[in-house]
Amino acid sequence: MDRTLLGKNVQLFRERKGISQEVLAEQAGLSTAFIASIEQGVKTPSLDSFIKIANILSVSADDLLGYQIRTHYEIKGSKLGELIQGLPFAEQKKIYDVVEVMVKNADLNR
């Protein structure tokens, strides 16, 4: 497991959610120092802590792991899915992320 990539992703999604290391640590039942060491790529959380962090940040395990897992979900059942199904997963994910941001921005403008 690439601890550096995991740490960068934890920090990225934590900041996107707008919470501090202290808040994440408190909600996960971990110390702030441990969260900081995860984000710095020094330590790896246990599976239980990893799941808590992912749930608190509302992200999938593959988002946190940075696509280190080769088996992944596919976007299916929609016109968008049909359009992008032939692309590599990393490209599908980029498109999905852009669409997700657009939908969130549309929600903010309502």
PDB file of N, CA and C in Angstrom:
ATOM      1  N   MET A   1       0.848  -1.188   0.000  1.00  0.00           N
ATOM      2  CA  MET A   1       0.000   0.000   0.000  1.00  0.00           C
ATOM      3  C   MET A   1       0.885   1.239   0.000  1.00  0.00           C
ATOM      4  N   ASP A   2       0.532   2.175  -0.814  1.00  0.00           N
ATOM      5  CA  ASP A   2       1.272   3.431  -0.903  1.00  0.00           C
ATOM      6  C   ASP A   2       0.754   4.383   0.184  1.00  0.00           C
ATOM      7  N   ARG A   3       1.473   4.431   1.318  1.00  0.00           N
ATOM      8  CA  ARG A   3       1.037   5.267   2.447  1.00  0.00           C
ATOM      9  C   ARG A   3       1.028   6.746   2.094  1.00  0.00           C
ATOM     10  N   THR A   4       1.970   7.170   1.256  1.00  0.00           N
ATOM     11  CA  THR A   4       2.029   8.585   0.886  1.00  0.00           C
ATOM     12  C   THR A   4       0.781   8.992   0.110  1.00  0.00           C
ATOM     13  N   LEU A   5       0.388   8.175  -0.843  1.00  0.00           N
ATOM     14  CA  LEU A   5      -0.806   8.463  -1.629  1.00  0.00           C
ATOM     15  C   LEU A   5      -2.054   8.414  -0.752  1.00  0.00           C
ATOM     16  N   LEU A   6      -2.142   7.428   0.108  1.00  0.00           N
ATOM     17  CA  LEU A   6      -3.266   7.339   1.041  1.00  0.00           C
ATOM     18  C   LEU A   6      -3.339   8.601   1.894  1.00  0.00           C
ATOM     19  N   GLY A   7      -2.219   9.020   2.431  1.00  0.00           N
ATOM     20  CA  GLY A   7      -2.184  10.208   3.277  1.00  0.00           C
ATOM     21  C   GLY A   7      -2.607  11.466   2.553  1.00  0.00           C
ATOM     22  N   LYS A   8      -2.123  11.620   1.335  1.00  0.00           N
ATOM     23  CA  LYS A   8      -2.503  12.797   0.537  1.00  0.00           C
ATOM     24  C   LYS A   8      -3.997  12.794   0.256  1.00  0.00           C
ATOM     25  N   ASN A   9      -4.549  11.617  -0.005  1.00  0.00           N
ATOM     26  CA  ASN A   9      -5.984  11.528  -0.291  1.00  0.00           C
ATOM     27  C   ASN A   9      -6.827  11.781   0.955  1.00  0.00           C
ATOM     28  N   VAL A  10      -6.390  11.282   2.099  1.00  0.00           N
ATOM     29  CA  VAL A  10      -7.111  11.576   3.350  1.00  0.00           C
ATOM     30  C   VAL A  10      -7.131  13.089   3.560  1.00  0.00           C
ATOM     31  N   GLN A  11      -5.993  13.733   3.411  1.00  0.00           N
ATOM     32  CA  GLN A  11      -5.928  15.187   3.584  1.00  0.00           C
ATOM     33  C   GLN A  11      -6.808  15.906   2.562  1.00  0.00           C
ATOM     34  N   LEU A  12      -6.732  15.494   1.309  1.00  0.00           N
ATOM     35  CA  LEU A  12      -7.522  16.122   0.252  1.00  0.00           C
ATOM     36  C   LEU A  12      -9.015  16.040   0.553  1.00  0.00           C
ATOM     37  N   PHE A  13      -9.519  14.849   0.873  1.00  0.00           N
ATOM     38  CA  PHE A  13     -10.946  14.693   1.122  1.00  0.00           C
ATOM     39  C   PHE A  13     -11.368  15.326   2.449  1.00  0.00           C
ATOM     40  N   ARG A  14     -10.460  15.353   3.413  1.00  0.00           N
ATOM     41  CA  ARG A  14     -10.769  16.030   4.687  1.00  0.00           C
ATOM     42  C   ARG A  14     -10.939  17.525   4.447  1.00  0.00           C
ATOM     43  N   GLU A  15     -10.021  18.094   3.672  1.00  0.00           N
ATOM     44  CA  GLU A  15     -10.102  19.524   3.382  1.00  0.00           C
ATOM     45  C   GLU A  15     -11.319  19.849   2.525  1.00  0.00           C
ATOM     46  N   ARG A  16     -11.637  18.988   1.569  1.00  0.00           N
ATOM     47  CA  ARG A  16     -12.841  19.202   0.754  1.00  0.00           C
ATOM     48  C   ARG A  16     -14.099  19.196   1.611  1.00  0.00           C
ATOM     49  N   LYS A  17     -14.093  18.360   2.633  1.00  0.00           N
ATOM     50  CA  LYS A  17     -15.245  18.281   3.535  1.00  0.00           C
ATOM     51  C   LYS A  17     -15.263  19.470   4.494  1.00  0.00           C
ATOM     52  N   GLY A  18     -14.132  20.155   4.603  1.00  0.00           N
ATOM     53  CA  GLY A  18     -14.061  21.347   5.443  1.00  0.00           C
ATOM     54  C   GLY A  18     -13.920  21.052   6.919  1.00  0.00           C
ATOM     55  N   ILE A  19     -13.253  19.939   7.238  1.00  0.00           N
ATOM     56  CA  ILE A  19     -13.047  19.615   8.651  1.00  0.00           C
ATOM     57  C   ILE A  19     -11.558  19.575   8.971  1.00  0.00           C
ATOM     58  N   SER A  20     -11.239  19.824  10.201  1.00  0.00           N
ATOM     59  CA  SER A  20      -9.856  19.838  10.648  1.00  0.00           C
ATOM     60  C   SER A  20      -9.393  18.421  10.995  1.00  0.00           C
ATOM     61  N   GLN A  21      -8.092  18.277  11.159  1.00  0.00           N
ATOM     62  CA  GLN A  21      -7.553  17.000  11.631  1.00  0.00           C
ATOM     63  C   GLN A  21      -8.148  16.646  12.987  1.00  0.00           C
ATOM     64  N   GLU A  22      -8.340  17.650  13.819  1.00  0.00           N
ATOM     65  CA  GLU A  22      -8.883  17.419  15.152  1.00  0.00           C
ATOM     66  C   GLU A  22     -10.299  16.854  15.090  1.00  0.00           C
ATOM     67  N   VAL A  23     -11.119  17.410  14.219  1.00  0.00           N
ATOM     68  CA  VAL A  23     -12.506  16.939  14.085  1.00  0.00           C
ATOM     69  C   VAL A  23     -12.518  15.517  13.530  1.00  0.00           C
ATOM     70  N   LEU A  24     -11.720  15.250  12.502  1.00  0.00           N
ATOM     71  CA  LEU A  24     -11.648  13.908  11.941  1.00  0.00           C
ATOM     72  C   LEU A  24     -11.188  12.918  13.005  1.00  0.00           C
ATOM     73  N   ALA A  25     -10.166  13.286  13.746  1.00  0.00           N
ATOM     74  CA  ALA A  25      -9.645  12.408  14.792  1.00  0.00           C
ATOM     75  C   ALA A  25     -10.710  12.112  15.849  1.00  0.00           C
ATOM     76  N   GLU A  26     -11.400  13.145  16.287  1.00  0.00           N
ATOM     77  CA  GLU A  26     -12.434  12.968  17.314  1.00  0.00           C
ATOM     78  C   GLU A  26     -13.545  12.054  16.813  1.00  0.00           C
ATOM     79  N   GLN A  27     -14.012  12.293  15.605  1.00  0.00           N
ATOM     80  CA  GLN A  27     -15.104  11.483  15.063  1.00  0.00           C
ATOM     81  C   GLN A  27     -14.685  10.037  14.827  1.00  0.00           C
ATOM     82  N   ALA A  28     -13.415   9.824  14.502  1.00  0.00           N
ATOM     83  CA  ALA A  28     -12.913   8.466  14.241  1.00  0.00           C
ATOM     84  C   ALA A  28     -12.423   7.770  15.502  1.00  0.00           C
ATOM     85  N   GLY A  29     -12.370   8.504  16.607  1.00  0.00           N
ATOM     86  CA  GLY A  29     -11.865   7.916  17.846  1.00  0.00           C
ATOM     87  C   GLY A  29     -10.365   7.697  17.817  1.00  0.00           C
ATOM     88  N   LEU A  30      -9.665   8.587  17.121  1.00  0.00           N
ATOM     89  CA  LEU A  30      -8.213   8.504  16.990  1.00  0.00           C
ATOM     90  C   LEU A  30      -7.588   9.790  17.506  1.00  0.00           C
ATOM     91  N   SER A  31      -6.279   9.782  17.660  1.00  0.00           N
ATOM     92  CA  SER A  31      -5.600  11.003  18.095  1.00  0.00           C
ATOM     93  C   SER A  31      -5.319  11.890  16.880  1.00  0.00           C
ATOM     94  N   THR A  32      -5.229  13.181  17.144  1.00  0.00           N
ATOM     95  CA  THR A  32      -4.889  14.126  16.085  1.00  0.00           C
ATOM     96  C   THR A  32      -3.497  13.822  15.535  1.00  0.00           C
ATOM     97  N   ALA A  33      -2.585  13.430  16.415  1.00  0.00           N
ATOM     98  CA  ALA A  33      -1.227  13.095  15.969  1.00  0.00           C
ATOM     99  C   ALA A  33      -1.245  11.906  15.010  1.00  0.00           C
ATOM    100  N   PHE A  34      -2.128  10.938  15.255  1.00  0.00           N
ATOM    101  CA  PHE A  34      -2.214   9.778  14.377  1.00  0.00           C
ATOM    102  C   PHE A  34      -2.763  10.182  13.010  1.00  0.00           C
ATOM    103  N   ILE A  35      -3.790  11.034  12.996  1.00  0.00           N
ATOM    104  CA  ILE A  35      -4.327  11.524  11.714  1.00  0.00           C
ATOM    105  C   ILE A  35      -3.231  12.264  10.958  1.00  0.00           C
ATOM    106  N   ALA A  36      -2.477  13.106  11.653  1.00  0.00           N
ATOM    107  CA  ALA A  36      -1.378  13.845  11.008  1.00  0.00           C
ATOM    108  C   ALA A  36      -0.344  12.880  10.438  1.00  0.00           C
ATOM    109  N   SER A  37      -0.030  11.805  11.171  1.00  0.00           N
ATOM    110  CA  SER A  37       0.972  10.851  10.678  1.00  0.00           C
ATOM    111  C   SER A  37       0.445  10.050   9.486  1.00  0.00           C
ATOM    112  N   ILE A  38      -0.870   9.816   9.429  1.00  0.00           N
ATOM    113  CA  ILE A  38      -1.457   9.170   8.249  1.00  0.00           C
ATOM    114  C   ILE A  38      -1.317  10.107   7.051  1.00  0.00           C
ATOM    115  N   GLU A  39      -1.684  11.364   7.234  1.00  0.00           N
ATOM    116  CA  GLU A  39      -1.627  12.336   6.140  1.00  0.00           C
ATOM    117  C   GLU A  39      -0.197  12.577   5.656  1.00  0.00           C
ATOM    118  N   GLN A  40       0.771  12.409   6.535  1.00  0.00           N
ATOM    119  CA  GLN A  40       2.173  12.590   6.155  1.00  0.00           C
ATOM    120  C   GLN A  40       2.754  11.327   5.518  1.00  0.00           C
ATOM    121  N   GLY A  41       1.970  10.247   5.507  1.00  0.00           N
ATOM    122  CA  GLY A  41       2.440   8.995   4.932  1.00  0.00           C
ATOM    123  C   GLY A  41       3.369   8.224   5.825  1.00  0.00           C
ATOM    124  N   VAL A  42       3.383   8.558   7.108  1.00  0.00           N
ATOM    125  CA  VAL A  42       4.267   7.898   8.062  1.00  0.00           C
ATOM    126  C   VAL A  42       3.629   6.620   8.605  1.00  0.00           C
ATOM    127  N   LYS A  43       2.324   6.652   8.851  1.00  0.00           N
ATOM    128  CA  LYS A  43       1.620   5.506   9.426  1.00  0.00           C
ATOM    129  C   LYS A  43       0.445   5.107   8.550  1.00  0.00           C
ATOM    130  N   THR A  44       0.059   3.849   8.693  1.00  0.00           N
ATOM    131  CA  THR A  44      -1.088   3.303   7.978  1.00  0.00           C
ATOM    132  C   THR A  44      -2.162   2.954   9.002  1.00  0.00           C
ATOM    133  N   PRO A  45      -3.396   3.381   8.780  1.00  0.00           N
ATOM    134  CA  PRO A  45      -4.451   3.050   9.735  1.00  0.00           C
ATOM    135  C   PRO A  45      -4.821   1.571   9.658  1.00  0.00           C
ATOM    136  N   SER A  46      -5.339   1.053  10.759  1.00  0.00           N
ATOM    137  CA  SER A  46      -5.881  -0.305  10.749  1.00  0.00           C
ATOM    138  C   SER A  46      -7.087  -0.323   9.818  1.00  0.00           C
ATOM    139  N   LEU A  47      -7.559  -1.496   9.467  1.00  0.00           N
ATOM    140  CA  LEU A  47      -8.728  -1.591   8.598  1.00  0.00           C
ATOM    141  C   LEU A  47      -9.930  -0.921   9.247  1.00  0.00           C
ATOM    142  N   ASP A  48     -10.121  -1.125  10.532  1.00  0.00           N
ATOM    143  CA  ASP A  48     -11.236  -0.502  11.249  1.00  0.00           C
ATOM    144  C   ASP A  48     -11.143   1.020  11.189  1.00  0.00           C
ATOM    145  N   SER A  49      -9.964   1.567  11.428  1.00  0.00           N
ATOM    146  CA  SER A  49      -9.771   3.021  11.372  1.00  0.00           C
ATOM    147  C   SER A  49      -9.925   3.541   9.956  1.00  0.00           C
ATOM    148  N   PHE A  50      -9.425   2.784   8.979  1.00  0.00           N
ATOM    149  CA  PHE A  50      -9.554   3.159   7.574  1.00  0.00           C
ATOM    150  C   PHE A  50     -11.029   3.287   7.193  1.00  0.00           C
ATOM    151  N   ILE A  51     -11.834   2.316   7.599  1.00  0.00           N
ATOM    152  CA  ILE A  51     -13.270   2.342   7.290  1.00  0.00           C
ATOM    153  C   ILE A  51     -13.942   3.525   7.971  1.00  0.00           C
ATOM    154  N   LYS A  52     -13.590   3.792   9.229  1.00  0.00           N
ATOM    155  CA  LYS A  52     -14.161   4.950   9.933  1.00  0.00           C
ATOM    156  C   LYS A  52     -13.822   6.247   9.203  1.00  0.00           C
ATOM    157  N   ILE A  53     -12.576   6.389   8.794  1.00  0.00           N
ATOM    158  CA  ILE A  53     -12.141   7.601   8.094  1.00  0.00           C
ATOM    159  C   ILE A  53     -12.897   7.751   6.779  1.00  0.00           C
ATOM    160  N   ALA A  54     -13.002   6.670   6.012  1.00  0.00           N
ATOM    161  CA  ALA A  54     -13.718   6.722   4.730  1.00  0.00           C
ATOM    162  C   ALA A  54     -15.174   7.119   4.949  1.00  0.00           C
ATOM    163  N   ASN A  55     -15.813   6.550   5.960  1.00  0.00           N
ATOM    164  CA  ASN A  55     -17.216   6.876   6.228  1.00  0.00           C
ATOM    165  C   ASN A  55     -17.388   8.322   6.674  1.00  0.00           C
ATOM    166  N   ILE A  56     -16.502   8.801   7.513  1.00  0.00           N
ATOM    167  CA  ILE A  56     -16.579  10.190   7.982  1.00  0.00           C
ATOM    168  C   ILE A  56     -16.396  11.154   6.815  1.00  0.00           C
ATOM    169  N   LEU A  57     -15.470  10.821   5.920  1.00  0.00           N
ATOM    170  CA  LEU A  57     -15.199  11.685   4.768  1.00  0.00           C
ATOM    171  C   LEU A  57     -16.177  11.459   3.625  1.00  0.00           C
ATOM    172  N   SER A  58     -17.029  10.453   3.763  1.00  0.00           N
ATOM    173  CA  SER A  58     -18.036  10.111   2.735  1.00  0.00           C
ATOM    174  C   SER A  58     -17.394   9.813   1.384  1.00  0.00           C
ATOM    175  N   VAL A  59     -16.336   9.008   1.420  1.00  0.00           N
ATOM    176  CA  VAL A  59     -15.645   8.607   0.198  1.00  0.00           C
ATOM    177  C   VAL A  59     -15.483   7.091   0.195  1.00  0.00           C
ATOM    178  N   SER A  60     -15.232   6.551  -0.981  1.00  0.00           N
ATOM    179  CA  SER A  60     -15.029   5.113  -1.101  1.00  0.00           C
ATOM    180  C   SER A  60     -13.587   4.745  -0.757  1.00  0.00           C
ATOM    181  N   ALA A  61     -13.396   3.472  -0.500  1.00  0.00           N
ATOM    182  CA  ALA A  61     -12.051   2.979  -0.199  1.00  0.00           C
ATOM    183  C   ALA A  61     -11.113   3.223  -1.372  1.00  0.00           C
ATOM    184  N   ASP A  62     -11.609   3.012  -2.604  1.00  0.00           N
ATOM    185  CA  ASP A  62     -10.721   3.224  -3.752  1.00  0.00           C
ATOM    186  C   ASP A  62     -10.371   4.691  -3.942  1.00  0.00           C
ATOM    187  N   ASP A  63     -11.255   5.606  -3.511  1.00  0.00           N
ATOM    188  CA  ASP A  63     -10.900   7.029  -3.547  1.00  0.00           C
ATOM    189  C   ASP A  63      -9.714   7.291  -2.615  1.00  0.00           C
ATOM    190  N   LEU A  64      -9.764   6.737  -1.413  1.00  0.00           N
ATOM    191  CA  LEU A  64      -8.677   6.960  -0.460  1.00  0.00           C
ATOM    192  C   LEU A  64      -7.392   6.257  -0.876  1.00  0.00           C
ATOM    193  N   LEU A  65      -7.537   5.069  -1.438  1.00  0.00           N
ATOM    194  CA  LEU A  65      -6.350   4.315  -1.830  1.00  0.00           C
ATOM    195  C   LEU A  65      -5.733   4.822  -3.126  1.00  0.00           C
ATOM    196  N   GLY A  66      -6.446   5.687  -3.822  1.00  0.00           N
ATOM    197  CA  GLY A  66      -5.889   6.252  -5.043  1.00  0.00           C
ATOM    198  C   GLY A  66      -5.812   5.241  -6.165  1.00  0.00           C
ATOM    199  N   TYR A  67      -6.813   4.385  -6.262  1.00  0.00           N
ATOM    200  CA  TYR A  67      -6.902   3.421  -7.353  1.00  0.00           C
ATOM    201  C   TYR A  67      -5.772   2.408  -7.338  1.00  0.00           C
ATOM    202  N   GLN A  68      -5.333   2.037  -6.151  1.00  0.00           N
ATOM    203  CA  GLN A  68      -4.336   0.986  -6.035  1.00  0.00           C
ATOM    204  C   GLN A  68      -4.976  -0.393  -6.205  1.00  0.00           C
ATOM    205  N   ILE A  69      -6.303  -0.449  -6.082  1.00  0.00           N
ATOM    206  CA  ILE A  69      -7.023  -1.700  -6.252  1.00  0.00           C
ATOM    207  C   ILE A  69      -7.388  -1.823  -7.729  1.00  0.00           C
ATOM    208  N   ARG A  70      -7.064  -2.948  -8.330  1.00  0.00           N
ATOM    209  CA  ARG A  70      -7.320  -3.128  -9.757  1.00  0.00           C
ATOM    210  C   ARG A  70      -8.775  -3.473 -10.046  1.00  0.00           C
ATOM    211  N   THR A  71      -9.460  -4.122  -9.113  1.00  0.00           N
ATOM    212  CA  THR A  71     -10.875  -4.423  -9.280  1.00  0.00           C
ATOM    213  C   THR A  71     -11.650  -3.208  -8.821  1.00  0.00           C
ATOM    214  N   HIS A  72     -12.649  -2.789  -9.606  1.00  0.00           N
ATOM    215  CA  HIS A  72     -13.333  -1.552  -9.294  1.00  0.00           C
ATOM    216  C   HIS A  72     -14.779  -1.619  -9.759  1.00  0.00           C
ATOM    217  N   TYR A  73     -15.564  -0.674  -9.325  1.00  0.00           N
ATOM    218  CA  TYR A  73     -16.945  -0.599  -9.785  1.00  0.00           C
ATOM    219  C   TYR A  73     -16.967   0.046 -11.157  1.00  0.00           C
ATOM    220  N   GLU A  74     -18.003  -0.235 -11.892  1.00  0.00           N
ATOM    221  CA  GLU A  74     -18.173   0.393 -13.198  1.00  0.00           C
ATOM    222  C   GLU A  74     -19.413   1.264 -13.150  1.00  0.00           C
ATOM    223  N   ILE A  75     -19.368   2.339 -13.893  1.00  0.00           N
ATOM    224  CA  ILE A  75     -20.524   3.220 -13.992  1.00  0.00           C
ATOM    225  C   ILE A  75     -21.434   2.624 -15.050  1.00  0.00           C
ATOM    226  N   LYS A  76     -22.608   2.189 -14.632  1.00  0.00           N
ATOM    227  CA  LYS A  76     -23.533   1.530 -15.554  1.00  0.00           C
ATOM    228  C   LYS A  76     -24.918   2.117 -15.405  1.00  0.00           C
ATOM    229  N   GLY A  77     -25.780   1.755 -16.368  1.00  0.00           N
ATOM    230  CA  GLY A  77     -27.193   2.041 -16.220  1.00  0.00           C
ATOM    231  C   GLY A  77     -27.623   3.442 -16.598  1.00  0.00           C
ATOM    232  N   SER A  78     -26.793   4.161 -17.282  1.00  0.00           N
ATOM    233  CA  SER A  78     -27.183   5.506 -17.681  1.00  0.00           C
ATOM    234  C   SER A  78     -26.551   5.832 -19.030  1.00  0.00           C
ATOM    235  N   LYS A  79     -27.038   6.865 -19.617  1.00  0.00           N
ATOM    236  CA  LYS A  79     -26.463   7.317 -20.889  1.00  0.00           C
ATOM    237  C   LYS A  79     -24.983   7.648 -20.713  1.00  0.00           C
ATOM    238  N   LEU A  80     -24.657   8.291 -19.603  1.00  0.00           N
ATOM    239  CA  LEU A  80     -23.255   8.614 -19.329  1.00  0.00           C
ATOM    240  C   LEU A  80     -22.427   7.341 -19.273  1.00  0.00           C
ATOM    241  N   GLY A  81     -22.940   6.348 -18.585  1.00  0.00           N
ATOM    242  CA  GLY A  81     -22.233   5.074 -18.493  1.00  0.00           C
ATOM    243  C   GLY A  81     -22.002   4.445 -19.851  1.00  0.00           C
ATOM    244  N   GLU A  82     -23.030   4.512 -20.691  1.00  0.00           N
ATOM    245  CA  GLU A  82     -22.902   3.969 -22.047  1.00  0.00           C
ATOM    246  C   GLU A  82     -21.829   4.711 -22.839  1.00  0.00           C
ATOM    247  N   LEU A  83     -21.792   6.020 -22.684  1.00  0.00           N
ATOM    248  CA  LEU A  83     -20.834   6.831 -23.441  1.00  0.00           C
ATOM    249  C   LEU A  83     -19.389   6.555 -23.050  1.00  0.00           C
ATOM    250  N   ILE A  84     -19.155   6.293 -21.783  1.00  0.00           N
ATOM    251  CA  ILE A  84     -17.768   6.182 -21.306  1.00  0.00           C
ATOM    252  C   ILE A  84     -17.327   4.755 -21.016  1.00  0.00           C
ATOM    253  N   GLN A  85     -18.188   3.771 -21.232  1.00  0.00           N
ATOM    254  CA  GLN A  85     -17.866   2.410 -20.838  1.00  0.00           C
ATOM    255  C   GLN A  85     -16.621   1.843 -21.521  1.00  0.00           C
ATOM    256  N   GLY A  86     -16.261   2.312 -22.684  1.00  0.00           N
ATOM    257  CA  GLY A  86     -15.082   1.805 -23.369  1.00  0.00           C
ATOM    258  C   GLY A  86     -13.771   2.426 -22.912  1.00  0.00           C
ATOM    259  N   LEU A  87     -13.864   3.444 -22.077  1.00  0.00           N
ATOM    260  CA  LEU A  87     -12.655   4.125 -21.599  1.00  0.00           C
ATOM    261  C   LEU A  87     -12.030   3.362 -20.440  1.00  0.00           C
ATOM    262  N   PRO A  88     -10.727   3.539 -20.208  1.00  0.00           N
ATOM    263  CA  PRO A  88     -10.103   2.945 -19.022  1.00  0.00           C
ATOM    264  C   PRO A  88     -10.770   3.493 -17.752  1.00  0.00           C
ATOM    265  N   PHE A  89     -10.746   2.704 -16.687  1.00  0.00           N
ATOM    266  CA  PHE A  89     -11.424   3.094 -15.456  1.00  0.00           C
ATOM    267  C   PHE A  89     -10.954   4.451 -14.946  1.00  0.00           C
ATOM    268  N   ALA A  90      -9.656   4.722 -15.005  1.00  0.00           N
ATOM    269  CA  ALA A  90      -9.148   6.005 -14.489  1.00  0.00           C
ATOM    270  C   ALA A  90      -9.792   7.177 -15.224  1.00  0.00           C
ATOM    271  N   GLU A  91      -9.985   7.027 -16.532  1.00  0.00           N
ATOM    272  CA  GLU A  91     -10.632   8.085 -17.307  1.00  0.00           C
ATOM    273  C   GLU A  91     -12.114   8.184 -16.967  1.00  0.00           C
ATOM    274  N   GLN A  92     -12.771   7.032 -16.782  1.00  0.00           N
ATOM    275  CA  GLN A  92     -14.177   7.031 -16.363  1.00  0.00           C
ATOM    276  C   GLN A  92     -14.327   7.771 -15.039  1.00  0.00           C
ATOM    277  N   LYS A  93     -13.424   7.521 -14.115  1.00  0.00           N
ATOM    278  CA  LYS A  93     -13.487   8.142 -12.791  1.00  0.00           C
ATOM    279  C   LYS A  93     -13.311   9.648 -12.892  1.00  0.00           C
ATOM    280  N   LYS A  94     -12.404  10.107 -13.747  1.00  0.00           N
ATOM    281  CA  LYS A  94     -12.206  11.548 -13.931  1.00  0.00           C
ATOM    282  C   LYS A  94     -13.494  12.210 -14.425  1.00  0.00           C
ATOM    283  N   ILE A  95     -14.123  11.579 -15.398  1.00  0.00           N
ATOM    284  CA  ILE A  95     -15.371  12.125 -15.943  1.00  0.00           C
ATOM    285  C   ILE A  95     -16.454  12.121 -14.877  1.00  0.00           C
ATOM    286  N   TYR A  96     -16.563  11.038 -14.136  1.00  0.00           N
ATOM    287  CA  TYR A  96     -17.543  10.949 -13.063  1.00  0.00           C
ATOM    288  C   TYR A  96     -17.304  12.055 -12.032  1.00  0.00           C
ATOM    289  N   ASP A  97     -16.038  12.281 -11.662  1.00  0.00           N
ATOM    290  CA  ASP A  97     -15.719  13.320 -10.672  1.00  0.00           C
ATOM    291  C   ASP A  97     -16.135  14.705 -11.161  1.00  0.00           C
ATOM    292  N   VAL A  98     -15.912  14.990 -12.449  1.00  0.00           N
ATOM    293  CA  VAL A  98     -16.312  16.285 -13.016  1.00  0.00           C
ATOM    294  C   VAL A  98     -17.828  16.435 -12.955  1.00  0.00           C
ATOM    295  N   VAL A  99     -18.541  15.379 -13.340  1.00  0.00           N
ATOM    296  CA  VAL A  99     -20.006  15.424 -13.311  1.00  0.00           C
ATOM    297  C   VAL A  99     -20.497  15.609 -11.876  1.00  0.00           C
ATOM    298  N   GLU A 100     -19.865  14.929 -10.941  1.00  0.00           N
ATOM    299  CA  GLU A 100     -20.248  15.058  -9.532  1.00  0.00           C
ATOM    300  C   GLU A 100     -20.094  16.498  -9.045  1.00  0.00           C
ATOM    301  N   VAL A 101     -19.002  17.154  -9.395  1.00  0.00           N
ATOM    302  CA  VAL A 101     -18.784  18.554  -9.015  1.00  0.00           C
ATOM    303  C   VAL A 101     -19.849  19.439  -9.649  1.00  0.00           C
ATOM    304  N   MET A 102     -20.173  19.174 -10.904  1.00  0.00           N
ATOM    305  CA  MET A 102     -21.198  19.970 -11.585  1.00  0.00           C
ATOM    306  C   MET A 102     -22.550  19.818 -10.896  1.00  0.00           C
ATOM    307  N   VAL A 103     -22.884  18.605 -10.494  1.00  0.00           N
ATOM    308  CA  VAL A 103     -24.158  18.368  -9.812  1.00  0.00           C
ATOM    309  C   VAL A 103     -24.171  19.077  -8.457  1.00  0.00           C
ATOM    310  N   LYS A 104     -23.066  18.996  -7.733  1.00  0.00           N
ATOM    311  CA  LYS A 104     -23.006  19.683  -6.432  1.00  0.00           C
ATOM    312  C   LYS A 104     -23.139  21.186  -6.607  1.00  0.00           C
ATOM    313  N   ASN A 105     -22.492  21.745  -7.618  1.00  0.00           N
ATOM    314  CA  ASN A 105     -22.617  23.183  -7.873  1.00  0.00           C
ATOM    315  C   ASN A 105     -24.026  23.551  -8.275  1.00  0.00           C
ATOM    316  N   ALA A 106     -24.681  22.705  -9.042  1.00  0.00           N
ATOM    317  CA  ALA A 106     -26.069  22.952  -9.432  1.00  0.00           C
ATOM    318  C   ALA A 106     -26.970  22.968  -8.203  1.00  0.00           C
ATOM    319  N   ASP A 107     -26.692  22.074  -7.246  1.00  0.00           N
ATOM    320  CA  ASP A 107     -27.475  22.030  -6.002  1.00  0.00           C
ATOM    321  C   ASP A 107     -27.291  23.312  -5.201  1.00  0.00           C
ATOM    322  N   LEU A 108     -26.073  23.853  -5.219  1.00  0.00           N
ATOM    323  CA  LEU A 108     -25.790  25.078  -4.471  1.00  0.00           C
ATOM    324  C   LEU A 108     -26.498  26.278  -5.072  1.00  0.00           C
ATOM    325  N   ASN A 109     -26.749  26.237  -6.365  1.00  0.00           N
ATOM    326  CA  ASN A 109     -27.374  27.368  -7.057  1.00  0.00           C
ATOM    327  C   ASN A 109     -28.886  27.326  -7.027  1.00  0.00           C
ATOM    328  N   ARG A 110     -29.458  26.339  -6.392  1.00  0.00           N
ATOM    329  CA  ARG A 110     -30.929  26.235  -6.323  1.00  0.00           C
ATOM    330  C   ARG A 110     -31.486  27.114  -5.241  1.00  0.00           C
TER     331      ARG A 110
END
